[in-house]
Amino acid sequence: MKYIVIVGCGQIGKELARDLSITENVVVIDKDLKSLDELTESFNGKKVWGNALDTNVLESAGIKDAQAVYLLTNNDNLNLVVGKVVKRKYGIQKVILQVNDIAKKKIFSERGIMIINRTYLISDILKKCLS
């Protein structure tokens, strides 16, 4: 079983947390308590209320044991900063972050972090529909 940390409990974070918690150990971090409370009973993981920029919050979420970290907040800069911290300070090899601003995608990807952008994903899927 993998230990996975998800930062950001928006729509995507909630769905991913629910799905992964079926087979993996999952911790979700968010600074909005209401968002964490919206994780239903089908979520079989841990919730941490706090700001992921705070290393104490990351450590209380068990970041040192994580095999993967997903950064799914709506704040591209926060995703990048926390991504760099978990990669450099904690040595996390799998860091996946959501980037909303397409212009920032190239800058972020040069950091050795896996970048996910909805526009590119949807575009790729729509192109595959023609096949």
C-alpha atoms as a PDB file:
ATOM      1  CA  MET A   1       0.000   0.000   0.000  1.00  0.00           C
ATOM      2  CA  LYS A   2       1.309   3.431  -0.942  1.00  0.00           C
ATOM      3  CA  TYR A   3       1.177   6.477   1.285  1.00  0.00           C
ATOM      4  CA  ILE A   4      -0.192   9.423  -0.714  1.00  0.00           C
ATOM      5  CA  VAL A   5      -0.638  13.055   0.300  1.00  0.00           C
ATOM      6  CA  ILE A   6      -3.138  15.230  -1.563  1.00  0.00           C
ATOM      7  CA  VAL A   7      -2.979  18.992  -1.041  1.00  0.00           C
ATOM      8  CA  GLY A   8      -6.227  20.655  -2.056  1.00  0.00           C
ATOM      9  CA  CYS A   9      -9.689  19.327  -1.349  1.00  0.00           C
ATOM     10  CA  GLY A  10     -11.567  20.848  -4.264  1.00  0.00           C
ATOM     11  CA  GLN A  11     -13.604  18.821  -6.725  1.00  0.00           C
ATOM     12  CA  ILE A  12     -10.610  16.994  -8.218  1.00  0.00           C
ATOM     13  CA  GLY A  13      -8.890  16.484  -4.862  1.00  0.00           C
ATOM     14  CA  LYS A  14     -12.037  14.990  -3.332  1.00  0.00           C
ATOM     15  CA  GLU A  15     -12.624  12.609  -6.224  1.00  0.00           C
ATOM     16  CA  LEU A  16      -9.003  11.470  -6.315  1.00  0.00           C
ATOM     17  CA  ALA A  17      -8.930  11.037  -2.522  1.00  0.00           C
ATOM     18  CA  ARG A  18     -12.073   8.894  -2.545  1.00  0.00           C
ATOM     19  CA  ASP A  19     -10.805   6.697  -5.380  1.00  0.00           C
ATOM     20  CA  LEU A  20      -7.267   6.245  -4.057  1.00  0.00           C
ATOM     21  CA  SER A  21      -8.349   5.640  -0.456  1.00  0.00           C
ATOM     22  CA  ILE A  22      -9.960   2.377  -1.535  1.00  0.00           C
ATOM     23  CA  THR A  23      -6.566   0.770  -2.077  1.00  0.00           C
ATOM     24  CA  GLU A  24      -3.978   3.217  -0.694  1.00  0.00           C
ATOM     25  CA  ASN A  25      -3.246   5.182   2.495  1.00  0.00           C
ATOM     26  CA  VAL A  26      -4.348   8.726   1.682  1.00  0.00           C
ATOM     27  CA  VAL A  27      -4.042  11.993   3.584  1.00  0.00           C
ATOM     28  CA  VAL A  28      -5.770  15.165   2.375  1.00  0.00           C
ATOM     29  CA  ILE A  29      -4.574  18.616   3.440  1.00  0.00           C
ATOM     30  CA  ASP A  30      -6.692  21.733   3.023  1.00  0.00           C
ATOM     31  CA  LYS A  31      -6.984  25.068   4.788  1.00  0.00           C
ATOM     32  CA  ASP A  32     -10.769  25.060   4.323  1.00  0.00           C
ATOM     33  CA  LEU A  33     -12.359  22.907   7.008  1.00  0.00           C
ATOM     34  CA  LYS A  34     -15.674  22.848   5.146  1.00  0.00           C
ATOM     35  CA  SER A  35     -14.014  21.263   2.102  1.00  0.00           C
ATOM     36  CA  LEU A  36     -12.497  18.543   4.273  1.00  0.00           C
ATOM     37  CA  ASP A  37     -15.869  17.915   5.912  1.00  0.00           C
ATOM     38  CA  GLU A  38     -17.379  17.340   2.461  1.00  0.00           C
ATOM     39  CA  LEU A  39     -15.297  14.206   2.017  1.00  0.00           C
ATOM     40  CA  THR A  40     -17.977  11.581   2.443  1.00  0.00           C
ATOM     41  CA  GLU A  41     -17.965   8.351   4.369  1.00  0.00           C
ATOM     42  CA  SER A  42     -16.602   6.604   1.269  1.00  0.00           C
ATOM     43  CA  PHE A  43     -13.277   8.345   1.963  1.00  0.00           C
ATOM     44  CA  ASN A  44     -11.135   5.959   3.950  1.00  0.00           C
ATOM     45  CA  GLY A  45      -8.228   8.221   4.847  1.00  0.00           C
ATOM     46  CA  LYS A  46      -6.976  11.012   7.063  1.00  0.00           C
ATOM     47  CA  LYS A  47      -7.859  14.715   6.868  1.00  0.00           C
ATOM     48  CA  VAL A  48      -5.448  17.460   7.928  1.00  0.00           C
ATOM     49  CA  TRP A  49      -6.703  20.993   8.346  1.00  0.00           C
ATOM     50  CA  GLY A  50      -3.999  23.575   7.705  1.00  0.00           C
ATOM     51  CA  ASN A  51      -1.835  25.448   5.248  1.00  0.00           C
ATOM     52  CA  ALA A  52       0.480  23.209   3.219  1.00  0.00           C
ATOM     53  CA  LEU A  53       3.073  26.008   3.163  1.00  0.00           C
ATOM     54  CA  ASP A  54       3.651  25.215   6.837  1.00  0.00           C
ATOM     55  CA  THR A  55       6.130  22.343   7.173  1.00  0.00           C
ATOM     56  CA  ASN A  56       4.565  21.436  10.536  1.00  0.00           C
ATOM     57  CA  VAL A  57       1.282  20.778   8.710  1.00  0.00           C
ATOM     58  CA  LEU A  58       3.090  18.687   6.088  1.00  0.00           C
ATOM     59  CA  GLU A  59       4.838  16.693   8.785  1.00  0.00           C
ATOM     60  CA  SER A  60       1.621  16.125  10.741  1.00  0.00           C
ATOM     61  CA  ALA A  61       0.222  14.703   7.501  1.00  0.00           C
ATOM     62  CA  GLY A  62       3.128  12.249   7.393  1.00  0.00           C
ATOM     63  CA  ILE A  63       4.969  13.791   4.440  1.00  0.00           C
ATOM     64  CA  LYS A  64       8.154  11.964   5.413  1.00  0.00           C
ATOM     65  CA  ASP A  65       6.443   8.638   4.659  1.00  0.00           C
ATOM     66  CA  ALA A  66       4.774   9.697   1.395  1.00  0.00           C
ATOM     67  CA  GLN A  67       5.582   7.956  -1.872  1.00  0.00           C
ATOM     68  CA  ALA A  68       3.587  10.511  -3.880  1.00  0.00           C
ATOM     69  CA  VAL A  69       2.224  14.020  -3.418  1.00  0.00           C
ATOM     70  CA  TYR A  70      -0.545  15.597  -5.489  1.00  0.00           C
ATOM     71  CA  LEU A  71      -0.796  19.399  -5.386  1.00  0.00           C
ATOM     72  CA  LEU A  72      -4.285  20.259  -6.564  1.00  0.00           C
ATOM     73  CA  THR A  73      -5.059  23.712  -5.197  1.00  0.00           C
ATOM     74  CA  ASN A  74      -6.283  26.486  -7.487  1.00  0.00           C
ATOM     75  CA  ASN A  75      -3.147  28.485  -6.669  1.00  0.00           C
ATOM     76  CA  ASP A  76      -0.397  27.667  -9.178  1.00  0.00           C
ATOM     77  CA  ASN A  77       2.281  29.437  -7.141  1.00  0.00           C
ATOM     78  CA  LEU A  78       1.359  27.572  -3.960  1.00  0.00           C
ATOM     79  CA  ASN A  79       1.441  24.299  -5.878  1.00  0.00           C
ATOM     80  CA  LEU A  80       4.916  25.078  -7.196  1.00  0.00           C
ATOM     81  CA  VAL A  81       6.378  26.216  -3.869  1.00  0.00           C
ATOM     82  CA  VAL A  82       5.018  23.234  -1.942  1.00  0.00           C
ATOM     83  CA  GLY A  83       6.086  20.942  -4.787  1.00  0.00           C
ATOM     84  CA  LYS A  84       9.652  22.229  -4.560  1.00  0.00           C
ATOM     85  CA  VAL A  85       9.664  21.850  -0.760  1.00  0.00           C
ATOM     86  CA  VAL A  86       8.427  18.260  -0.749  1.00  0.00           C
ATOM     87  CA  LYS A  87      10.839  17.313  -3.537  1.00  0.00           C
ATOM     88  CA  ARG A  88      13.935  18.980  -2.053  1.00  0.00           C
ATOM     89  CA  LYS A  89      13.410  18.814   1.705  1.00  0.00           C
ATOM     90  CA  TYR A  90      11.624  15.472   1.962  1.00  0.00           C
ATOM     91  CA  GLY A  91      12.973  13.739  -1.158  1.00  0.00           C
ATOM     92  CA  ILE A  92       9.563  12.806  -2.541  1.00  0.00           C
ATOM     93  CA  GLN A  93      10.119  11.342  -6.007  1.00  0.00           C
ATOM     94  CA  LYS A  94       6.553  11.539  -7.344  1.00  0.00           C
ATOM     95  CA  VAL A  95       5.293  15.110  -7.188  1.00  0.00           C
ATOM     96  CA  ILE A  96       2.302  15.821  -9.395  1.00  0.00           C
ATOM     97  CA  LEU A  97       0.875  19.298  -9.552  1.00  0.00           C
ATOM     98  CA  GLN A  98      -2.024  20.966 -11.226  1.00  0.00           C
ATOM     99  CA  VAL A  99      -1.268  24.114 -13.191  1.00  0.00           C
ATOM    100  CA  ASN A 100      -4.132  26.292 -14.360  1.00  0.00           C
ATOM    101  CA  ASP A 101      -2.102  28.950 -16.182  1.00  0.00           C
ATOM    102  CA  ILE A 102      -0.808  27.419 -19.406  1.00  0.00           C
ATOM    103  CA  ALA A 103       1.995  29.997 -19.557  1.00  0.00           C
ATOM    104  CA  LYS A 104       3.408  28.622 -16.292  1.00  0.00           C
ATOM    105  CA  LYS A 105       3.414  25.021 -17.503  1.00  0.00           C
ATOM    106  CA  LYS A 106       6.850  25.240 -19.135  1.00  0.00           C
ATOM    107  CA  ILE A 107       8.421  27.014 -16.151  1.00  0.00           C
ATOM    108  CA  PHE A 108       7.070  24.439 -13.739  1.00  0.00           C
ATOM    109  CA  SER A 109       7.982  21.408 -15.840  1.00  0.00           C
ATOM    110  CA  GLU A 110      11.622  22.500 -15.890  1.00  0.00           C
ATOM    111  CA  ARG A 111      11.670  21.835 -12.158  1.00  0.00           C
ATOM    112  CA  GLY A 112      11.410  18.066 -12.642  1.00  0.00           C
ATOM    113  CA  ILE A 113       7.858  17.932 -11.393  1.00  0.00           C
ATOM    114  CA  MET A 114       4.998  16.234 -13.248  1.00  0.00           C
ATOM    115  CA  ILE A 115       2.575  18.902 -14.499  1.00  0.00           C
ATOM    116  CA  ILE A 116      -1.133  18.382 -15.122  1.00  0.00           C
ATOM    117  CA  ASN A 117      -3.122  21.019 -17.006  1.00  0.00           C
ATOM    118  CA  ARG A 118      -6.863  20.575 -17.642  1.00  0.00           C
ATOM    119  CA  THR A 119      -6.790  22.374 -20.979  1.00  0.00           C
ATOM    120  CA  TYR A 120      -4.153  20.017 -22.375  1.00  0.00           C
ATOM    121  CA  LEU A 121      -5.849  16.936 -20.922  1.00  0.00           C
ATOM    122  CA  ILE A 122      -9.255  17.795 -22.326  1.00  0.00           C
ATOM    123  CA  SER A 123      -7.761  18.742 -25.684  1.00  0.00           C
ATOM    124  CA  ASP A 124      -5.936  15.382 -25.861  1.00  0.00           C
ATOM    125  CA  ILE A 125      -9.094  13.460 -25.005  1.00  0.00           C
ATOM    126  CA  LEU A 126     -11.161  15.365 -27.564  1.00  0.00           C
ATOM    127  CA  LYS A 127      -8.569  14.661 -30.279  1.00  0.00           C
ATOM    128  CA  LYS A 128      -8.662  10.948 -29.401  1.00  0.00           C
ATOM    129  CA  CYS A 129     -12.438  10.972 -29.896  1.00  0.00           C
ATOM    130  CA  LEU A 130     -11.804  11.458 -33.617  1.00  0.00           C
ATOM    131  CA  SER A 131      -9.839   8.217 -33.869  1.00  0.00           C
END
